[in-house]
Amino acid sequence: HFGAAQDLSSVCLHENYDNVGPAMEITDGETVYRDMKPNQTHRWFYRSYNVTTMNQPDEYRKVIINLEPCRGVVYLFVRKTRRCYPNPYSCIDLTPGKEKRQASSCEWTHFLSEIDGSRDGTPTFFEVPLSSTKYFLSVYSTQNSAYTLTVLADIGAFPRPGGNGRITARQLTELMVQISWDEADFVPKGISDVKQYWIYSSMLLESDNRTNMAVFLRPDKIMNTVCGLQNNTDRSFSTVLASECSNGKCNATIDGVITDKRYVFNVVAESYRGHKMAYAGLIMRTDWEVIRQAASDRTLKVVGAVSGSVLGMVVIIYFLMLKLYG
């Protein structure tokens, strides 16, 4: 005998709003891409009954939930175990004159992005204990946006940028820059490894400025997510195989840069399982000064004056000789 399914329609009224999409399943290891309109919510659910994963030691029995904006501003809300789906409208109001963003008011929510505006345009990465077989996810947008969403319980297949994602750069010649970064890592080790690194570069306009230091670069030009880099560059500049790195360090040379211009450089690590993660990114102004004279302007003026005087004396002597012997 089975009891009747619980009717949550009266409790989860927000799930029936016109701007709330239907619930869709996202499977383990899947990455989905979606476009969104302002004040819209997409609903996703994830479930895992993998006994092998559940039997992992506590430090590895986790699930990664990674929301990356491709453009715009998107927030992630997570609830585990049972519905309702998280309700963004309980803590966010975009109505002019009634604007509200208060994380403590979010209903049916266990984990959520920073919604106060300080990190708009940044990815949300959660790695939480896999303590439930079901997770209910709401993705909310404040403006026209696009995003990718990945859920992965086999966390050892996901690359983690080395050195906290830091990239360094130096200019080799007037038209060439070398960038360097630490190899990506995996936790736990042995599940997967880095296949290759994708190198991205793009020249910035003088008007391209960061909204704040937490955002790279701004919501309409995101340069530290995989899909953001794909959207804002014509293509990846090149790839570097993991086998080309040495002693935990990797390098790539980028040619064709223009002097006295700002460039953004970034790297994306890809694992053999096909998962990708972007590094933190770097902004650099190219500045290559070529010394074309070996002496100062003052010295050159003196030399010019002396040379002119000597030349004048030679000309005068020549005419005197013509007069005497001509």
C-alpha atoms as a PDB file:
ATOM      1  CA  HIS A   1       0.000   0.000   0.000  1.00  0.00           C
ATOM      2  CA  PHE A   2       1.399   3.403  -0.994  1.00  0.00           C
ATOM      3  CA  GLY A   3       0.252   6.659   0.535  1.00  0.00           C
ATOM      4  CA  ALA A   4      -0.837   9.577  -1.641  1.00  0.00           C
ATOM      5  CA  ALA A   5       1.941  11.901  -2.836  1.00  0.00           C
ATOM      6  CA  GLN A   6       2.207  15.109  -0.858  1.00  0.00           C
ATOM      7  CA  ASP A   7       0.538  18.065  -2.548  1.00  0.00           C
ATOM      8  CA  LEU A   8       2.949  20.981  -2.321  1.00  0.00           C
ATOM      9  CA  SER A   9       1.110  23.314  -4.694  1.00  0.00           C
ATOM     10  CA  SER A  10      -0.323  25.392  -1.856  1.00  0.00           C
ATOM     11  CA  VAL A  11       2.998  25.545   0.013  1.00  0.00           C
ATOM     12  CA  CYS A  12       5.280  26.188  -2.957  1.00  0.00           C
ATOM     13  CA  LEU A  13       3.204  28.896  -4.614  1.00  0.00           C
ATOM     14  CA  HIS A  14       6.270  30.651  -6.029  1.00  0.00           C
ATOM     15  CA  GLU A  15       6.967  27.635  -8.255  1.00  0.00           C
ATOM     16  CA  ASN A  16       3.875  28.556 -10.280  1.00  0.00           C
ATOM     17  CA  TYR A  17       4.792  32.182 -10.976  1.00  0.00           C
ATOM     18  CA  ASP A  18       4.762  33.145 -14.656  1.00  0.00           C
ATOM     19  CA  ASN A  19       8.476  33.968 -14.658  1.00  0.00           C
ATOM     20  CA  VAL A  20       9.486  30.641 -13.058  1.00  0.00           C
ATOM     21  CA  GLY A  21      10.453  27.889 -15.487  1.00  0.00           C
ATOM     22  CA  PRO A  22       9.591  24.187 -15.303  1.00  0.00           C
ATOM     23  CA  ALA A  23      11.752  21.888 -13.188  1.00  0.00           C
ATOM     24  CA  MET A  24      14.435  20.112 -15.238  1.00  0.00           C
ATOM     25  CA  GLU A  25      16.882  17.405 -14.197  1.00  0.00           C
ATOM     26  CA  ILE A  26      20.631  17.920 -14.447  1.00  0.00           C
ATOM     27  CA  THR A  27      22.625  14.691 -14.364  1.00  0.00           C
ATOM     28  CA  ASP A  28      25.964  14.077 -12.685  1.00  0.00           C
ATOM     29  CA  GLY A  29      28.831  15.627 -14.638  1.00  0.00           C
ATOM     30  CA  GLU A  30      26.525  17.464 -17.050  1.00  0.00           C
ATOM     31  CA  THR A  31      27.019  21.122 -18.009  1.00  0.00           C
ATOM     32  CA  VAL A  32      23.947  22.980 -19.267  1.00  0.00           C
ATOM     33  CA  TYR A  33      23.780  26.386 -20.984  1.00  0.00           C
ATOM     34  CA  ARG A  34      20.749  28.684 -20.814  1.00  0.00           C
ATOM     35  CA  ASP A  35      19.744  32.279 -21.640  1.00  0.00           C
ATOM     36  CA  MET A  36      17.621  34.221 -19.166  1.00  0.00           C
ATOM     37  CA  LYS A  37      15.478  37.349 -19.013  1.00  0.00           C
ATOM     38  CA  PRO A  38      15.370  39.807 -16.088  1.00  0.00           C
ATOM     39  CA  ASN A  39      13.606  38.631 -12.911  1.00  0.00           C
ATOM     40  CA  GLN A  40      13.355  35.088 -14.271  1.00  0.00           C
ATOM     41  CA  THR A  41      14.034  31.844 -12.391  1.00  0.00           C
ATOM     42  CA  HIS A  42      15.148  28.499 -13.795  1.00  0.00           C
ATOM     43  CA  ARG A  43      14.614  25.380 -11.685  1.00  0.00           C
ATOM     44  CA  TRP A  44      16.903  22.327 -11.717  1.00  0.00           C
ATOM     45  CA  PHE A  45      16.997  19.170  -9.641  1.00  0.00           C
ATOM     46  CA  TYR A  46      19.868  16.771  -9.113  1.00  0.00           C
ATOM     47  CA  ARG A  47      19.768  13.312  -7.601  1.00  0.00           C
ATOM     48  CA  SER A  48      22.492  10.773  -6.873  1.00  0.00           C
ATOM     49  CA  TYR A  49      22.055   7.183  -5.808  1.00  0.00           C
ATOM     50  CA  ASN A  50      25.637   6.159  -6.596  1.00  0.00           C
ATOM     51  CA  VAL A  51      26.644   3.813  -3.769  1.00  0.00           C
ATOM     52  CA  THR A  52      30.359   4.079  -4.617  1.00  0.00           C
ATOM     53  CA  THR A  53      30.229   7.860  -4.254  1.00  0.00           C
ATOM     54  CA  MET A  54      28.241   7.657  -1.031  1.00  0.00           C
ATOM     55  CA  ASN A  55      30.853   5.290   0.452  1.00  0.00           C
ATOM     56  CA  GLN A  56      33.731   7.731  -0.101  1.00  0.00           C
ATOM     57  CA  PRO A  57      35.552   9.106   2.981  1.00  0.00           C
ATOM     58  CA  ASP A  58      33.936  12.235   4.379  1.00  0.00           C
ATOM     59  CA  GLU A  59      36.575  14.580   2.929  1.00  0.00           C
ATOM     60  CA  TYR A  60      35.795  13.307  -0.585  1.00  0.00           C
ATOM     61  CA  ARG A  61      32.059  12.616  -0.280  1.00  0.00           C
ATOM     62  CA  LYS A  62      31.018  15.972  -1.677  1.00  0.00           C
ATOM     63  CA  VAL A  63      29.202  17.494  -4.613  1.00  0.00           C
ATOM     64  CA  ILE A  64      30.364  20.430  -6.742  1.00  0.00           C
ATOM     65  CA  ILE A  65      27.713  22.896  -7.921  1.00  0.00           C
ATOM     66  CA  ASN A  66      29.259  25.443 -10.255  1.00  0.00           C
ATOM     67  CA  LEU A  67      27.273  28.357 -11.739  1.00  0.00           C
ATOM     68  CA  GLU A  68      29.207  30.483 -14.249  1.00  0.00           C
ATOM     69  CA  PRO A  69      27.733  33.630 -15.820  1.00  0.00           C
ATOM     70  CA  CYS A  70      28.542  34.004 -19.519  1.00  0.00           C
ATOM     71  CA  ARG A  71      27.095  37.509 -19.448  1.00  0.00           C
ATOM     72  CA  GLY A  72      24.872  39.421 -17.060  1.00  0.00           C
ATOM     73  CA  VAL A  73      24.103  38.648 -13.417  1.00  0.00           C
ATOM     74  CA  VAL A  74      22.843  35.284 -12.151  1.00  0.00           C
ATOM     75  CA  TYR A  75      22.460  33.944  -8.608  1.00  0.00           C
ATOM     76  CA  LEU A  76      22.358  30.352  -7.387  1.00  0.00           C
ATOM     77  CA  PHE A  77      20.055  29.104  -4.608  1.00  0.00           C
ATOM     78  CA  VAL A  78      20.345  25.522  -3.313  1.00  0.00           C
ATOM     79  CA  ARG A  79      18.067  23.395  -1.152  1.00  0.00           C
ATOM     80  CA  LYS A  80      18.776  19.772  -0.260  1.00  0.00           C
ATOM     81  CA  THR A  81      16.617  16.749   0.566  1.00  0.00           C
ATOM     82  CA  ARG A  82      13.059  18.014   0.008  1.00  0.00           C
ATOM     83  CA  ARG A  83      11.102  20.629  -1.923  1.00  0.00           C
ATOM     84  CA  CYS A  84      10.100  23.443  -2.152  1.00  0.00           C
ATOM     85  CA  TYR A  85      12.547  24.875  -4.626  1.00  0.00           C
ATOM     86  CA  PRO A  86      14.412  27.926  -3.268  1.00  0.00           C
ATOM     87  CA  ASN A  87      12.379  31.109  -3.629  1.00  0.00           C
ATOM     88  CA  PRO A  88      14.483  34.078  -4.859  1.00  0.00           C
ATOM     89  CA  TYR A  89      11.439  36.376  -4.781  1.00  0.00           C
ATOM     90  CA  SER A  90      11.272  36.101  -0.999  1.00  0.00           C
ATOM     91  CA  CYS A  91      14.547  38.027  -0.666  1.00  0.00           C
ATOM     92  CA  ILE A  92      14.971  39.935  -3.961  1.00  0.00           C
ATOM     93  CA  ASP A  93      12.671  42.625  -5.332  1.00  0.00           C
ATOM     94  CA  LEU A  94      13.648  44.565  -8.466  1.00  0.00           C
ATOM     95  CA  THR A  95      10.566  46.801  -8.484  1.00  0.00           C
ATOM     96  CA  PRO A  96      11.687  50.456  -8.881  1.00  0.00           C
ATOM     97  CA  GLY A  97      11.313  52.223  -5.546  1.00  0.00           C
ATOM     98  CA  LYS A  98      10.939  48.916  -3.680  1.00  0.00           C
ATOM     99  CA  GLU A  99      14.330  47.361  -4.404  1.00  0.00           C
ATOM    100  CA  LYS A 100      15.369  44.732  -1.869  1.00  0.00           C
ATOM    101  CA  ARG A 101      18.173  42.196  -1.572  1.00  0.00           C
ATOM    102  CA  GLN A 102      18.289  40.474   1.797  1.00  0.00           C
ATOM    103  CA  ALA A 103      19.943  37.056   1.981  1.00  0.00           C
ATOM    104  CA  SER A 104      18.569  36.260   5.438  1.00  0.00           C
ATOM    105  CA  SER A 105      15.012  36.381   4.040  1.00  0.00           C
ATOM    106  CA  CYS A 106      15.512  33.743   1.324  1.00  0.00           C
ATOM    107  CA  GLU A 107      12.986  30.949   1.832  1.00  0.00           C
ATOM    108  CA  TRP A 108      13.605  27.239   1.217  1.00  0.00           C
ATOM    109  CA  THR A 109      17.330  27.886   0.820  1.00  0.00           C
ATOM    110  CA  HIS A 110      20.377  26.210   2.372  1.00  0.00           C
ATOM    111  CA  PHE A 111      23.131  27.772   0.223  1.00  0.00           C
ATOM    112  CA  LEU A 112      23.059  30.861  -1.992  1.00  0.00           C
ATOM    113  CA  SER A 113      25.253  33.260  -3.957  1.00  0.00           C
ATOM    114  CA  GLU A 114      26.198  36.693  -2.648  1.00  0.00           C
ATOM    115  CA  ILE A 115      23.154  38.746  -3.696  1.00  0.00           C
ATOM    116  CA  ASP A 116      23.994  42.216  -2.324  1.00  0.00           C
ATOM    117  CA  GLY A 117      25.468  43.369  -5.647  1.00  0.00           C
ATOM    118  CA  SER A 118      29.115  43.304  -4.548  1.00  0.00           C
ATOM    119  CA  ARG A 119      29.916  40.245  -6.661  1.00  0.00           C
ATOM    120  CA  ASP A 120      27.566  40.679  -9.610  1.00  0.00           C
ATOM    121  CA  GLY A 121      29.098  39.039 -12.668  1.00  0.00           C
ATOM    122  CA  THR A 122      31.194  36.501 -10.739  1.00  0.00           C
ATOM    123  CA  PRO A 123      30.824  32.704 -10.707  1.00  0.00           C
ATOM    124  CA  THR A 124      29.360  30.794  -7.755  1.00  0.00           C
ATOM    125  CA  PHE A 125      31.257  27.637  -6.797  1.00  0.00           C
ATOM    126  CA  PHE A 126      29.889  25.398  -4.051  1.00  0.00           C
ATOM    127  CA  GLU A 127      31.567  22.232  -2.809  1.00  0.00           C
ATOM    128  CA  VAL A 128      29.259  20.872  -0.141  1.00  0.00           C
ATOM    129  CA  PRO A 129      28.969  17.548   1.696  1.00  0.00           C
ATOM    130  CA  LEU A 130      27.003  14.964  -0.279  1.00  0.00           C
ATOM    131  CA  SER A 131      24.646  14.400   2.642  1.00  0.00           C
ATOM    132  CA  SER A 132      21.475  14.078   0.590  1.00  0.00           C
ATOM    133  CA  THR A 133      20.370  12.151  -2.483  1.00  0.00           C
ATOM    134  CA  LYS A 134      18.399  15.143  -3.864  1.00  0.00           C
ATOM    135  CA  TYR A 135      19.245  18.783  -4.444  1.00  0.00           C
ATOM    136  CA  PHE A 136      16.863  21.479  -5.673  1.00  0.00           C
ATOM    137  CA  LEU A 137      18.433  24.440  -7.475  1.00  0.00           C
ATOM    138  CA  SER A 138      17.054  27.834  -8.487  1.00  0.00           C
ATOM    139  CA  VAL A 139      18.992  30.114 -10.844  1.00  0.00           C
ATOM    140  CA  TYR A 140      17.791  33.729 -10.818  1.00  0.00           C
ATOM    141  CA  SER A 141      18.755  36.623 -13.108  1.00  0.00           C
ATOM    142  CA  THR A 142      18.547  40.368 -12.475  1.00  0.00           C
ATOM    143  CA  GLN A 143      19.072  41.296 -16.156  1.00  0.00           C
ATOM    144  CA  ASN A 144      19.364  39.693 -19.583  1.00  0.00           C
ATOM    145  CA  SER A 145      21.888  36.971 -18.877  1.00  0.00           C
ATOM    146  CA  ALA A 146      23.347  33.638 -19.944  1.00  0.00           C
ATOM    147  CA  TYR A 147      24.929  30.968 -17.749  1.00  0.00           C
ATOM    148  CA  THR A 148      26.326  27.461 -17.520  1.00  0.00           C
ATOM    149  CA  LEU A 149      25.533  25.124 -14.620  1.00  0.00           C
ATOM    150  CA  THR A 150      27.535  22.023 -13.674  1.00  0.00           C
ATOM    151  CA  VAL A 151      26.834  19.493 -10.918  1.00  0.00           C
ATOM    152  CA  LEU A 152      29.449  16.831 -10.163  1.00  0.00           C
ATOM    153  CA  ALA A 153      29.720  14.336  -7.313  1.00  0.00           C
ATOM    154  CA  ASP A 154      32.923  12.744  -8.647  1.00  0.00           C
ATOM    155  CA  ILE A 155      34.887  15.773  -7.491  1.00  0.00           C
ATOM    156  CA  GLY A 156      38.280  14.283  -8.415  1.00  0.00           C
ATOM    157  CA  ALA A 157      37.432  14.798 -12.104  1.00  0.00           C
ATOM    158  CA  PHE A 158      37.225  18.583 -11.735  1.00  0.00           C
ATOM    159  CA  PRO A 159      40.402  20.672 -12.356  1.00  0.00           C
ATOM    160  CA  ARG A 160      41.338  23.214  -9.702  1.00  0.00           C
ATOM    161  CA  PRO A 161      43.580  26.091 -10.852  1.00  0.00           C
ATOM    162  CA  GLY A 162      46.971  26.073  -9.152  1.00  0.00           C
ATOM    163  CA  GLY A 163      48.327  29.046  -7.239  1.00  0.00           C
ATOM    164  CA  ASN A 164      44.766  30.214  -6.520  1.00  0.00           C
ATOM    165  CA  GLY A 165      44.379  30.915 -10.246  1.00  0.00           C
ATOM    166  CA  ARG A 166      47.166  33.519 -10.341  1.00  0.00           C
ATOM    167  CA  ILE A 167      48.730  34.340 -13.722  1.00  0.00           C
ATOM    168  CA  THR A 168      51.920  36.339 -14.281  1.00  0.00           C
ATOM    169  CA  ALA A 169      53.186  37.953 -17.481  1.00  0.00           C
ATOM    170  CA  ARG A 170      56.294  39.585 -18.885  1.00  0.00           C
ATOM    171  CA  GLN A 171      56.995  41.225 -22.202  1.00  0.00           C
ATOM    172  CA  LEU A 172      59.687  39.424 -24.187  1.00  0.00           C
ATOM    173  CA  THR A 173      59.862  41.714 -27.211  1.00  0.00           C
ATOM    174  CA  GLU A 174      57.933  44.641 -28.621  1.00  0.00           C
ATOM    175  CA  LEU A 175      55.310  42.284 -30.096  1.00  0.00           C
ATOM    176  CA  MET A 176      55.524  39.284 -27.771  1.00  0.00           C
ATOM    177  CA  VAL A 177      54.301  38.501 -24.238  1.00  0.00           C
ATOM    178  CA  GLN A 178      54.878  35.373 -22.129  1.00  0.00           C
ATOM    179  CA  ILE A 179      52.317  34.331 -19.496  1.00  0.00           C
ATOM    180  CA  SER A 180      52.952  31.793 -16.736  1.00  0.00           C
ATOM    181  CA  TRP A 181      50.747  29.866 -14.307  1.00  0.00           C
ATOM    182  CA  ASP A 182      50.822  26.944 -11.867  1.00  0.00           C
ATOM    183  CA  GLU A 183      49.559  23.550 -12.994  1.00  0.00           C
ATOM    184  CA  ALA A 184      45.981  22.651 -12.086  1.00  0.00           C
ATOM    185  CA  ASP A 185      45.404  20.110  -9.317  1.00  0.00           C
ATOM    186  CA  PHE A 186      42.779  17.471  -8.483  1.00  0.00           C
ATOM    187  CA  VAL A 187      41.266  16.444  -5.137  1.00  0.00           C
ATOM    188  CA  PRO A 188      41.385  13.527  -4.642  1.00  0.00           C
ATOM    189  CA  LYS A 189      44.214  12.659  -7.017  1.00  0.00           C
ATOM    190  CA  GLY A 190      44.087   9.736  -9.409  1.00  0.00           C
ATOM    191  CA  ILE A 191      40.562  10.247 -10.777  1.00  0.00           C
ATOM    192  CA  SER A 192      41.554  12.432 -13.728  1.00  0.00           C
ATOM    193  CA  ASP A 193      44.338  14.721 -14.903  1.00  0.00           C
ATOM    194  CA  VAL A 194      44.834  17.820 -17.026  1.00  0.00           C
ATOM    195  CA  LYS A 195      44.555  17.183 -20.749  1.00  0.00           C
ATOM    196  CA  GLN A 196      45.402  20.691 -21.942  1.00  0.00           C
ATOM    197  CA  TYR A 197      45.219  24.400 -21.194  1.00  0.00           C
ATOM    198  CA  TRP A 198      43.349  26.867 -23.395  1.00  0.00           C
ATOM    199  CA  ILE A 199      45.019  30.283 -23.706  1.00  0.00           C
ATOM    200  CA  TYR A 200      42.851  33.368 -24.245  1.00  0.00           C
ATOM    201  CA  SER A 201      43.863  36.958 -24.968  1.00  0.00           C
ATOM    202  CA  SER A 202      41.922  40.068 -25.903  1.00  0.00           C
ATOM    203  CA  MET A 203      42.839  43.727 -26.325  1.00  0.00           C
ATOM    204  CA  LEU A 204      40.802  46.036 -24.094  1.00  0.00           C
ATOM    205  CA  LEU A 205      39.320  49.394 -24.975  1.00  0.00           C
ATOM    206  CA  GLU A 206      40.289  52.382 -22.854  1.00  0.00           C
ATOM    207  CA  SER A 207      36.707  52.400 -21.557  1.00  0.00           C
ATOM    208  CA  ASP A 208      36.955  48.765 -20.396  1.00  0.00           C
ATOM    209  CA  ASN A 209      37.242  49.089 -16.619  1.00  0.00           C
ATOM    210  CA  ARG A 210      36.434  46.723 -13.756  1.00  0.00           C
ATOM    211  CA  THR A 211      33.268  47.481 -11.773  1.00  0.00           C
ATOM    212  CA  ASN A 212      35.128  46.430  -8.601  1.00  0.00           C
ATOM    213  CA  MET A 213      38.085  44.230  -7.656  1.00  0.00           C
ATOM    214  CA  ALA A 214      35.852  41.193  -7.100  1.00  0.00           C
ATOM    215  CA  VAL A 215      34.587  41.217 -10.691  1.00  0.00           C
ATOM    216  CA  PHE A 216      36.689  40.407 -13.763  1.00  0.00           C
ATOM    217  CA  LEU A 217      35.838  42.448 -15.811  1.00  0.00           C
ATOM    218  CA  ARG A 218      32.184  43.509 -15.495  1.00  0.00           C
ATOM    219  CA  PRO A 219      28.799  41.763 -15.956  1.00  0.00           C
ATOM    220  CA  ASP A 220      28.555  42.536 -19.697  1.00  0.00           C
ATOM    221  CA  LYS A 221      32.163  41.433 -20.339  1.00  0.00           C
ATOM    222  CA  ILE A 222      33.057  38.497 -18.097  1.00  0.00           C
ATOM    223  CA  MET A 223      36.621  37.254 -18.543  1.00  0.00           C
ATOM    224  CA  ASN A 224      37.086  34.661 -15.776  1.00  0.00           C
ATOM    225  CA  THR A 225      34.532  32.020 -16.703  1.00  0.00           C
ATOM    226  CA  VAL A 226      34.811  29.443 -19.477  1.00  0.00           C
ATOM    227  CA  CYS A 227      31.781  30.634 -21.439  1.00  0.00           C
ATOM    228  CA  GLY A 228      32.574  34.300 -20.709  1.00  0.00           C
ATOM    229  CA  LEU A 229      35.973  33.902 -22.359  1.00  0.00           C
ATOM    230  CA  GLN A 230      34.393  32.107 -25.309  1.00  0.00           C
ATOM    231  CA  ASN A 231      31.863  34.938 -25.702  1.00  0.00           C
ATOM    232  CA  ASN A 232      34.339  37.815 -25.453  1.00  0.00           C
ATOM    233  CA  THR A 233      37.223  36.523 -27.552  1.00  0.00           C
ATOM    234  CA  ASP A 234      37.192  35.491 -31.202  1.00  0.00           C
ATOM    235  CA  ARG A 235      38.854  32.207 -30.303  1.00  0.00           C
ATOM    236  CA  SER A 236      41.409  30.732 -27.940  1.00  0.00           C
ATOM    237  CA  PHE A 237      44.861  31.993 -28.917  1.00  0.00           C
ATOM    238  CA  SER A 238      46.472  28.579 -28.524  1.00  0.00           C
ATOM    239  CA  THR A 239      46.559  25.427 -26.415  1.00  0.00           C
ATOM    240  CA  VAL A 240      49.302  24.059 -24.169  1.00  0.00           C
ATOM    241  CA  LEU A 241      49.413  20.327 -23.480  1.00  0.00           C
ATOM    242  CA  ALA A 242      49.894  19.285 -19.865  1.00  0.00           C
ATOM    243  CA  SER A 243      53.035  17.405 -20.946  1.00  0.00           C
ATOM    244  CA  GLU A 244      54.608  20.726 -21.989  1.00  0.00           C
ATOM    245  CA  CYS A 245      54.604  22.006 -18.390  1.00  0.00           C
ATOM    246  CA  SER A 246      57.640  21.474 -16.170  1.00  0.00           C
ATOM    247  CA  ASN A 247      58.149  21.414 -12.394  1.00  0.00           C
ATOM    248  CA  GLY A 248      54.576  22.509 -11.777  1.00  0.00           C
ATOM    249  CA  LYS A 249      54.868  25.597 -14.015  1.00  0.00           C
ATOM    250  CA  CYS A 250      53.384  26.277 -17.447  1.00  0.00           C
ATOM    251  CA  ASN A 251      54.196  28.978 -19.993  1.00  0.00           C
ATOM    252  CA  ALA A 252      52.650  30.293 -23.188  1.00  0.00           C
ATOM    253  CA  THR A 253      53.943  32.892 -25.628  1.00  0.00           C
ATOM    254  CA  ILE A 254      51.507  35.316 -27.254  1.00  0.00           C
ATOM    255  CA  ASP A 255      52.699  37.324 -30.232  1.00  0.00           C
ATOM    256  CA  GLY A 256      51.168  40.147 -32.238  1.00  0.00           C
ATOM    257  CA  VAL A 257      50.471  42.443 -29.299  1.00  0.00           C
ATOM    258  CA  ILE A 258      50.435  46.210 -29.833  1.00  0.00           C
ATOM    259  CA  THR A 259      52.598  48.541 -27.751  1.00  0.00           C
ATOM    260  CA  ASP A 260      50.908  50.726 -25.119  1.00  0.00           C
ATOM    261  CA  LYS A 261      47.628  48.809 -25.158  1.00  0.00           C
ATOM    262  CA  ARG A 262      45.848  46.966 -22.359  1.00  0.00           C
ATOM    263  CA  TYR A 263      45.299  43.250 -22.781  1.00  0.00           C
ATOM    264  CA  VAL A 264      43.453  40.648 -20.760  1.00  0.00           C
ATOM    265  CA  PHE A 265      45.015  37.185 -20.590  1.00  0.00           C
ATOM    266  CA  ASN A 266      43.511  34.057 -19.096  1.00  0.00           C
ATOM    267  CA  VAL A 267      43.886  30.292 -19.020  1.00  0.00           C
ATOM    268  CA  VAL A 268      41.309  27.489 -18.903  1.00  0.00           C
ATOM    269  CA  ALA A 269      42.304  24.060 -17.604  1.00  0.00           C
ATOM    270  CA  GLU A 270      40.569  21.047 -19.193  1.00  0.00           C
ATOM    271  CA  SER A 271      40.596  17.566 -17.664  1.00  0.00           C
ATOM    272  CA  TYR A 272      40.508  14.275 -19.550  1.00  0.00           C
ATOM    273  CA  ARG A 273      36.903  13.951 -18.340  1.00  0.00           C
ATOM    274  CA  GLY A 274      36.031  17.132 -20.252  1.00  0.00           C
ATOM    275  CA  HIS A 275      35.509  19.459 -17.284  1.00  0.00           C
ATOM    276  CA  LYS A 276      36.911  22.989 -17.591  1.00  0.00           C
ATOM    277  CA  MET A 277      37.794  25.707 -15.099  1.00  0.00           C
ATOM    278  CA  ALA A 278      39.133  29.212 -15.728  1.00  0.00           C
ATOM    279  CA  TYR A 279      41.995  30.837 -13.856  1.00  0.00           C
ATOM    280  CA  ALA A 280      41.663  34.282 -12.240  1.00  0.00           C
ATOM    281  CA  GLY A 281      42.908  36.219 -15.275  1.00  0.00           C
ATOM    282  CA  LEU A 282      45.341  39.116 -15.715  1.00  0.00           C
ATOM    283  CA  ILE A 283      45.214  42.641 -17.170  1.00  0.00           C
ATOM    284  CA  MET A 284      48.499  43.973 -18.570  1.00  0.00           C
ATOM    285  CA  ARG A 285      49.489  47.116 -20.420  1.00  0.00           C
ATOM    286  CA  THR A 286      52.179  46.464 -23.003  1.00  0.00           C
ATOM    287  CA  ASP A 287      55.067  48.899 -22.678  1.00  0.00           C
ATOM    288  CA  TRP A 288      58.100  48.254 -24.843  1.00  0.00           C
ATOM    289  CA  GLU A 289      60.549  51.160 -25.121  1.00  0.00           C
ATOM    290  CA  VAL A 290      63.101  50.928 -27.928  1.00  0.00           C
ATOM    291  CA  ILE A 291      66.257  53.050 -27.477  1.00  0.00           C
ATOM    292  CA  ARG A 292      67.174  54.338 -30.941  1.00  0.00           C
ATOM    293  CA  GLN A 293      70.000  56.759 -29.973  1.00  0.00           C
ATOM    294  CA  ALA A 294      73.057  55.993 -27.905  1.00  0.00           C
ATOM    295  CA  ALA A 295      73.540  59.509 -26.535  1.00  0.00           C
ATOM    296  CA  SER A 296      71.405  62.234 -25.019  1.00  0.00           C
ATOM    297  CA  ASP A 297      69.789  64.987 -27.075  1.00  0.00           C
ATOM    298  CA  ARG A 298      72.214  67.552 -25.549  1.00  0.00           C
ATOM    299  CA  THR A 299      75.238  65.510 -26.615  1.00  0.00           C
ATOM    300  CA  LEU A 300      73.843  65.060 -30.117  1.00  0.00           C
ATOM    301  CA  LYS A 301      73.265  68.834 -30.443  1.00  0.00           C
ATOM    302  CA  VAL A 302      76.876  69.565 -29.415  1.00  0.00           C
ATOM    303  CA  VAL A 303      78.209  66.973 -31.838  1.00  0.00           C
ATOM    304  CA  GLY A 304      76.021  68.469 -34.584  1.00  0.00           C
ATOM    305  CA  ALA A 305      77.323  71.968 -33.869  1.00  0.00           C
ATOM    306  CA  VAL A 306      80.959  70.829 -33.902  1.00  0.00           C
ATOM    307  CA  SER A 307      80.447  68.828 -37.100  1.00  0.00           C
ATOM    308  CA  GLY A 308      78.807  71.838 -38.723  1.00  0.00           C
ATOM    309  CA  SER A 309      81.745  74.052 -37.756  1.00  0.00           C
ATOM    310  CA  VAL A 310      84.300  71.597 -39.118  1.00  0.00           C
ATOM    311  CA  LEU A 311      82.348  71.273 -42.360  1.00  0.00           C
ATOM    312  CA  GLY A 312      82.230  75.082 -42.664  1.00  0.00           C
ATOM    313  CA  MET A 313      86.030  75.341 -42.224  1.00  0.00           C
ATOM    314  CA  VAL A 314      86.636  72.694 -44.876  1.00  0.00           C
ATOM    315  CA  VAL A 315      84.425  74.572 -47.383  1.00  0.00           C
ATOM    316  CA  ILE A 316      86.211  77.910 -46.709  1.00  0.00           C
ATOM    317  CA  ILE A 317      89.695  76.346 -47.138  1.00  0.00           C
ATOM    318  CA  TYR A 318      88.562  74.729 -50.397  1.00  0.00           C
ATOM    319  CA  PHE A 319      87.510  78.077 -51.909  1.00  0.00           C
ATOM    320  CA  LEU A 320      90.727  79.752 -50.779  1.00  0.00           C
ATOM    321  CA  MET A 321      92.750  77.069 -52.514  1.00  0.00           C
ATOM    322  CA  LEU A 322      90.733  77.580 -55.708  1.00  0.00           C
ATOM    323  CA  LYS A 323      91.453  81.306 -55.560  1.00  0.00           C
ATOM    324  CA  LEU A 324      95.193  80.830 -55.043  1.00  0.00           C
ATOM    325  CA  TYR A 325      95.824  77.990 -57.495  1.00  0.00           C
ATOM    326  CA  GLY A 326      92.806  78.071 -59.766  1.00  0.00           C
END
